[in-house]
Amino acid sequence: MGVISWIVFGLIVGVIANYIDPQAARGGLVGAIILGIVGGLVGGFLSSMVFGVGVTGFNITSLVIAVVGALVLLLIGRALNRA
């Protein structure tokens, strides 16, 4: 996937993760894009370690993996802010 594809995919994932999480991180559109892109990287890394499948492009599996990664990032960020 190219840079523009990652930005669009990151936006979609970030918006979905912010919608799922009732205490979503604030950061606006740029924050949602960054959350989605980094969530895709984290989710891809974790799923490749556990299941052998990572983020491979625009498909449902990659979307689910990236959203889970973004939610993990939100939980980690919230835990670090409490400490």
C-alpha atoms as a PDB file:
ATOM      1  CA  MET A   1       0.000   0.000   0.000  1.00  0.00           C
ATOM      2  CA  GLY A   2       1.199   3.483  -0.797  1.00  0.00           C
ATOM      3  CA  VAL A   3       1.386   6.471   1.507  1.00  0.00           C
ATOM      4  CA  ILE A   4      -2.030   7.811   0.502  1.00  0.00           C
ATOM      5  CA  SER A   5      -3.565   4.371   1.033  1.00  0.00           C
ATOM      6  CA  TRP A   6      -2.090   4.167   4.542  1.00  0.00           C
ATOM      7  CA  ILE A   7      -3.454   7.626   5.382  1.00  0.00           C
ATOM      8  CA  VAL A   8      -6.960   6.747   4.166  1.00  0.00           C
ATOM      9  CA  PHE A   9      -6.833   3.347   5.875  1.00  0.00           C
ATOM     10  CA  GLY A  10      -5.536   5.001   9.057  1.00  0.00           C
ATOM     11  CA  LEU A  11      -8.357   7.522   8.985  1.00  0.00           C
ATOM     12  CA  ILE A  12     -10.974   4.797   8.651  1.00  0.00           C
ATOM     13  CA  VAL A  13      -9.415   2.707  11.432  1.00  0.00           C
ATOM     14  CA  GLY A  14      -8.939   5.692  13.731  1.00  0.00           C
ATOM     15  CA  VAL A  15     -12.544   6.815  13.328  1.00  0.00           C
ATOM     16  CA  ILE A  16     -13.821   3.278  13.996  1.00  0.00           C
ATOM     17  CA  ALA A  17     -11.598   2.910  17.088  1.00  0.00           C
ATOM     18  CA  ASN A  18     -12.724   6.296  18.417  1.00  0.00           C
ATOM     19  CA  TYR A  19     -16.339   5.279  17.819  1.00  0.00           C
ATOM     20  CA  ILE A  20     -15.953   1.930  19.625  1.00  0.00           C
ATOM     21  CA  ASP A  21     -14.123   3.346  22.643  1.00  0.00           C
ATOM     22  CA  PRO A  22     -16.489   5.386  24.849  1.00  0.00           C
ATOM     23  CA  GLN A  23     -13.570   7.451  26.202  1.00  0.00           C
ATOM     24  CA  ALA A  24     -11.893   8.009  22.875  1.00  0.00           C
ATOM     25  CA  ALA A  25      -8.679   9.961  22.626  1.00  0.00           C
ATOM     26  CA  ARG A  26      -8.983  13.550  21.560  1.00  0.00           C
ATOM     27  CA  GLY A  27      -6.872  14.652  18.667  1.00  0.00           C
ATOM     28  CA  GLY A  28      -9.249  15.447  15.878  1.00  0.00           C
ATOM     29  CA  LEU A  29      -8.773  14.189  12.356  1.00  0.00           C
ATOM     30  CA  VAL A  30      -4.970  14.122  12.534  1.00  0.00           C
ATOM     31  CA  GLY A  31      -5.096  12.194  15.806  1.00  0.00           C
ATOM     32  CA  ALA A  32      -7.501   9.664  14.289  1.00  0.00           C
ATOM     33  CA  ILE A  33      -5.207   9.171  11.283  1.00  0.00           C
ATOM     34  CA  ILE A  34      -2.123   8.711  13.459  1.00  0.00           C
ATOM     35  CA  LEU A  35      -4.014   6.376  15.801  1.00  0.00           C
ATOM     36  CA  GLY A  36      -5.210   4.300  12.861  1.00  0.00           C
ATOM     37  CA  ILE A  37      -1.818   4.054  11.171  1.00  0.00           C
ATOM     38  CA  VAL A  38       0.047   3.181  14.356  1.00  0.00           C
ATOM     39  CA  GLY A  39      -2.805   0.867  15.362  1.00  0.00           C
ATOM     40  CA  GLY A  40      -2.390  -0.924  12.048  1.00  0.00           C
ATOM     41  CA  LEU A  41       1.307  -1.352  12.720  1.00  0.00           C
ATOM     42  CA  VAL A  42       0.767  -2.585  16.278  1.00  0.00           C
ATOM     43  CA  GLY A  43      -2.125  -4.841  15.298  1.00  0.00           C
ATOM     44  CA  GLY A  44      -0.183  -6.209  12.336  1.00  0.00           C
ATOM     45  CA  PHE A  45       2.821  -6.944  14.515  1.00  0.00           C
ATOM     46  CA  LEU A  46       0.765  -8.638  17.229  1.00  0.00           C
ATOM     47  CA  SER A  47      -1.330 -10.684  14.815  1.00  0.00           C
ATOM     48  CA  SER A  48       1.721 -11.809  12.850  1.00  0.00           C
ATOM     49  CA  MET A  49       3.328 -12.962  16.094  1.00  0.00           C
ATOM     50  CA  VAL A  50       0.218 -14.810  17.300  1.00  0.00           C
ATOM     51  CA  PHE A  51      -1.638 -15.915  14.153  1.00  0.00           C
ATOM     52  CA  GLY A  52       0.870 -15.479  11.344  1.00  0.00           C
ATOM     53  CA  VAL A  53      -1.417 -12.968   9.565  1.00  0.00           C
ATOM     54  CA  GLY A  54      -0.784  -9.240   9.361  1.00  0.00           C
ATOM     55  CA  VAL A  55      -2.186  -6.142   7.734  1.00  0.00           C
ATOM     56  CA  THR A  56      -2.028  -6.845   4.009  1.00  0.00           C
ATOM     57  CA  GLY A  57      -4.126  -4.097   2.427  1.00  0.00           C
ATOM     58  CA  PHE A  58      -7.727  -2.985   2.171  1.00  0.00           C
ATOM     59  CA  ASN A  59      -9.656  -6.025   3.341  1.00  0.00           C
ATOM     60  CA  ILE A  60     -11.830  -6.969   6.302  1.00  0.00           C
ATOM     61  CA  THR A  61      -9.122  -8.964   8.073  1.00  0.00           C
ATOM     62  CA  SER A  62      -6.672  -6.078   7.935  1.00  0.00           C
ATOM     63  CA  LEU A  63      -9.361  -3.658   9.084  1.00  0.00           C
ATOM     64  CA  VAL A  64     -10.209  -5.774  12.123  1.00  0.00           C
ATOM     65  CA  ILE A  65      -6.537  -6.282  12.991  1.00  0.00           C
ATOM     66  CA  ALA A  66      -5.825  -2.552  12.707  1.00  0.00           C
ATOM     67  CA  VAL A  67      -8.866  -1.589  14.805  1.00  0.00           C
ATOM     68  CA  VAL A  68      -7.820  -4.029  17.538  1.00  0.00           C
ATOM     69  CA  GLY A  69      -4.309  -2.557  17.434  1.00  0.00           C
ATOM     70  CA  ALA A  70      -5.711   0.971  17.719  1.00  0.00           C
ATOM     71  CA  LEU A  71      -7.858  -0.044  20.687  1.00  0.00           C
ATOM     72  CA  VAL A  72      -4.814  -1.598  22.350  1.00  0.00           C
ATOM     73  CA  LEU A  73      -2.991   1.706  21.868  1.00  0.00           C
ATOM     74  CA  LEU A  74      -5.894   3.621  23.395  1.00  0.00           C
ATOM     75  CA  LEU A  75      -5.869   1.321  26.433  1.00  0.00           C
ATOM     76  CA  ILE A  76      -2.089   1.638  26.853  1.00  0.00           C
ATOM     77  CA  GLY A  77      -2.283   5.414  26.535  1.00  0.00           C
ATOM     78  CA  ARG A  78      -5.050   5.595  29.121  1.00  0.00           C
ATOM     79  CA  ALA A  79      -3.075   3.360  31.513  1.00  0.00           C
ATOM     80  CA  LEU A  80       0.029   5.537  31.143  1.00  0.00           C
ATOM     81  CA  ASN A  81      -1.958   8.704  31.811  1.00  0.00           C
ATOM     82  CA  ARG A  82      -3.281   7.273  35.088  1.00  0.00           C
ATOM     83  CA  ALA A  83       0.188   6.401  36.358  1.00  0.00           C
END
